[in-house]
Amino acid sequence: MITLDHDSPTPPYEQIRSQIAAQATDGHLPVGTRLPTVRRLAEDLGLAVNTVARAYRELETTGVVETRGRAGTFVTAQGDESRAQLENAARSYASLVHRLGIRPTEAVAIVTTAIAGT
């Protein structure tokens, strides 16, 4: 489910957050999937509980997951909605790129720079 790159400059909590978000968006974690407990995932990954808890909190803040008390943490429909929003934004951007006569490679480079700067 989650793999960590210990040589990456990306903090472990962000690696966890981004992988779960991506899996929720692409359908590998369908809506309603129960995630491992914070303690269990921390143990499996060899991390501190607070590291995993931070990733889960950030996922909950963005609506990708919801915690239902003792029942656990579950993937919400937000992942599907996020993907749809992103696809709509991409279509709008592609239309603007076309109208402005920007080369596709330049447009992709602009997006890549914008994402890296976030």
Protein backbone atom coordinates (compact mmCIF):
# COMPACT_ATOMS: atom_id res chain seq x y z
CA MET A 1 0.00 0.00 0.00
CA ILE A 2 2.56 2.61 1.12
CA THR A 3 6.28 2.59 0.36
CA LEU A 4 8.73 5.09 1.78
CA ASP A 5 11.84 6.41 0.09
CA HIS A 6 14.15 7.08 3.01
CA ASP A 7 16.58 8.89 0.70
CA SER A 8 13.91 11.32 -0.52
CA PRO A 9 13.97 14.93 0.67
CA THR A 10 10.17 14.62 0.99
CA PRO A 11 9.21 14.07 4.64
CA PRO A 12 7.70 10.66 5.46
CA TYR A 13 4.32 12.13 6.47
CA GLU A 14 4.07 13.80 3.04
CA GLN A 15 5.02 10.57 1.26
CA ILE A 16 2.22 8.81 3.15
CA ARG A 17 -0.28 11.61 2.52
CA SER A 18 0.45 11.86 -1.19
CA GLN A 19 0.37 8.10 -1.78
CA ILE A 20 -2.95 7.63 0.01
CA ALA A 21 -4.43 10.64 -1.80
CA ALA A 22 -3.23 9.31 -5.16
CA GLN A 23 -4.59 5.83 -4.44
CA ALA A 24 -7.95 7.29 -3.40
CA THR A 25 -8.07 9.37 -6.56
CA ASP A 26 -7.09 6.62 -8.98
CA GLY A 27 -9.41 4.03 -7.46
CA HIS A 28 -6.80 1.76 -5.85
CA LEU A 29 -8.43 2.71 -2.55
CA PRO A 30 -12.16 2.73 -3.36
CA VAL A 31 -14.61 4.89 -1.46
CA GLY A 32 -15.36 3.28 1.89
CA THR A 33 -12.01 1.53 2.23
CA ARG A 34 -10.91 1.41 5.85
CA LEU A 35 -7.31 2.50 6.31
CA PRO A 36 -5.01 0.82 8.81
CA THR A 37 -4.97 2.39 12.24
CA VAL A 38 -2.36 5.07 12.81
CA ARG A 39 -0.49 2.79 15.20
CA ARG A 40 -0.60 -0.17 12.83
CA LEU A 41 0.66 1.80 9.81
CA ALA A 42 3.37 3.46 11.92
CA GLU A 43 4.50 0.03 13.09
CA ASP A 44 4.42 -1.41 9.55
CA LEU A 45 6.47 1.49 8.19
CA GLY A 46 8.81 1.78 11.17
CA LEU A 47 7.76 5.35 11.89
CA ALA A 48 6.63 7.35 14.88
CA VAL A 49 2.88 7.37 15.46
CA ASN A 50 2.83 11.17 15.20
CA THR A 51 4.23 11.00 11.66
CA VAL A 52 1.36 8.85 10.42
CA ALA A 53 -1.15 10.83 12.48
CA ARG A 54 -0.05 14.02 10.72
CA ALA A 55 -0.56 12.43 7.31
CA TYR A 56 -4.04 11.23 8.31
CA ARG A 57 -4.93 14.70 9.71
CA GLU A 58 -3.91 16.36 6.47
CA LEU A 59 -5.90 13.84 4.45
CA GLU A 60 -8.91 14.49 6.66
CA THR A 61 -8.51 18.26 6.29
CA THR A 62 -8.66 17.95 2.50
CA GLY A 63 -11.62 15.56 2.67
CA VAL A 64 -9.87 12.52 1.21
CA VAL A 65 -10.56 10.49 4.36
CA GLU A 66 -12.82 10.75 7.37
CA THR A 67 -12.31 9.37 10.83
CA ARG A 68 -15.33 7.79 12.44
CA GLY A 69 -14.13 7.57 16.01
CA ARG A 70 -13.29 4.05 17.08
CA ALA A 71 -14.68 2.64 13.82
CA GLY A 72 -11.57 3.86 12.01
CA THR A 73 -10.51 6.06 9.11
CA PHE A 74 -12.20 5.62 5.74
CA VAL A 75 -11.68 6.87 2.17
CA THR A 76 -14.41 9.34 1.18
CA ALA A 77 -15.89 10.19 -2.19
CA GLN A 78 -13.80 13.38 -2.19
CA GLY A 79 -10.99 11.53 -3.97
CA ASP A 80 -13.25 10.93 -6.97
CA GLU A 81 -14.50 14.52 -6.84
CA SER A 82 -10.94 15.84 -6.64
CA ARG A 83 -9.97 13.95 -9.76
CA ALA A 84 -13.00 15.32 -11.63
CA GLN A 85 -12.12 18.87 -10.55
CA LEU A 86 -8.54 18.39 -11.65
CA GLU A 87 -9.61 17.02 -15.04
CA ASN A 88 -11.93 20.03 -15.55
CA ALA A 89 -9.12 22.42 -14.63
CA ALA A 90 -6.77 20.62 -17.03
CA ARG A 91 -9.28 20.94 -19.88
CA SER A 92 -9.68 24.66 -19.15
CA TYR A 93 -5.90 25.10 -19.04
CA ALA A 94 -5.46 23.18 -22.30
CA SER A 95 -8.05 25.42 -23.95
CA LEU A 96 -6.23 28.54 -22.73
CA VAL A 97 -2.88 27.17 -23.92
CA HIS A 98 -4.37 26.56 -27.36
CA ARG A 99 -5.95 30.05 -27.55
CA LEU A 100 -2.65 31.69 -26.55
CA GLY A 101 -0.64 29.62 -29.02
CA ILE A 102 1.70 28.23 -26.37
CA ARG A 103 3.57 25.04 -27.25
CA PRO A 104 2.39 22.01 -25.23
CA THR A 105 5.91 21.33 -23.91
CA GLU A 106 6.13 24.90 -22.61
CA ALA A 107 2.67 24.66 -21.04
CA VAL A 108 3.62 21.43 -19.25
CA ALA A 109 6.85 23.03 -18.01
CA ILE A 110 4.85 25.95 -16.60
CA VAL A 111 2.54 23.57 -14.74
CA THR A 112 5.46 21.52 -13.45
CA THR A 113 7.15 24.65 -12.12
CA ALA A 114 3.93 25.82 -10.50
CA ILE A 115 3.37 22.45 -8.79
CA ALA A 116 6.99 22.29 -7.58
CA GLY A 117 6.66 25.76 -6.10
CA THR A 118 3.59 24.83 -4.08
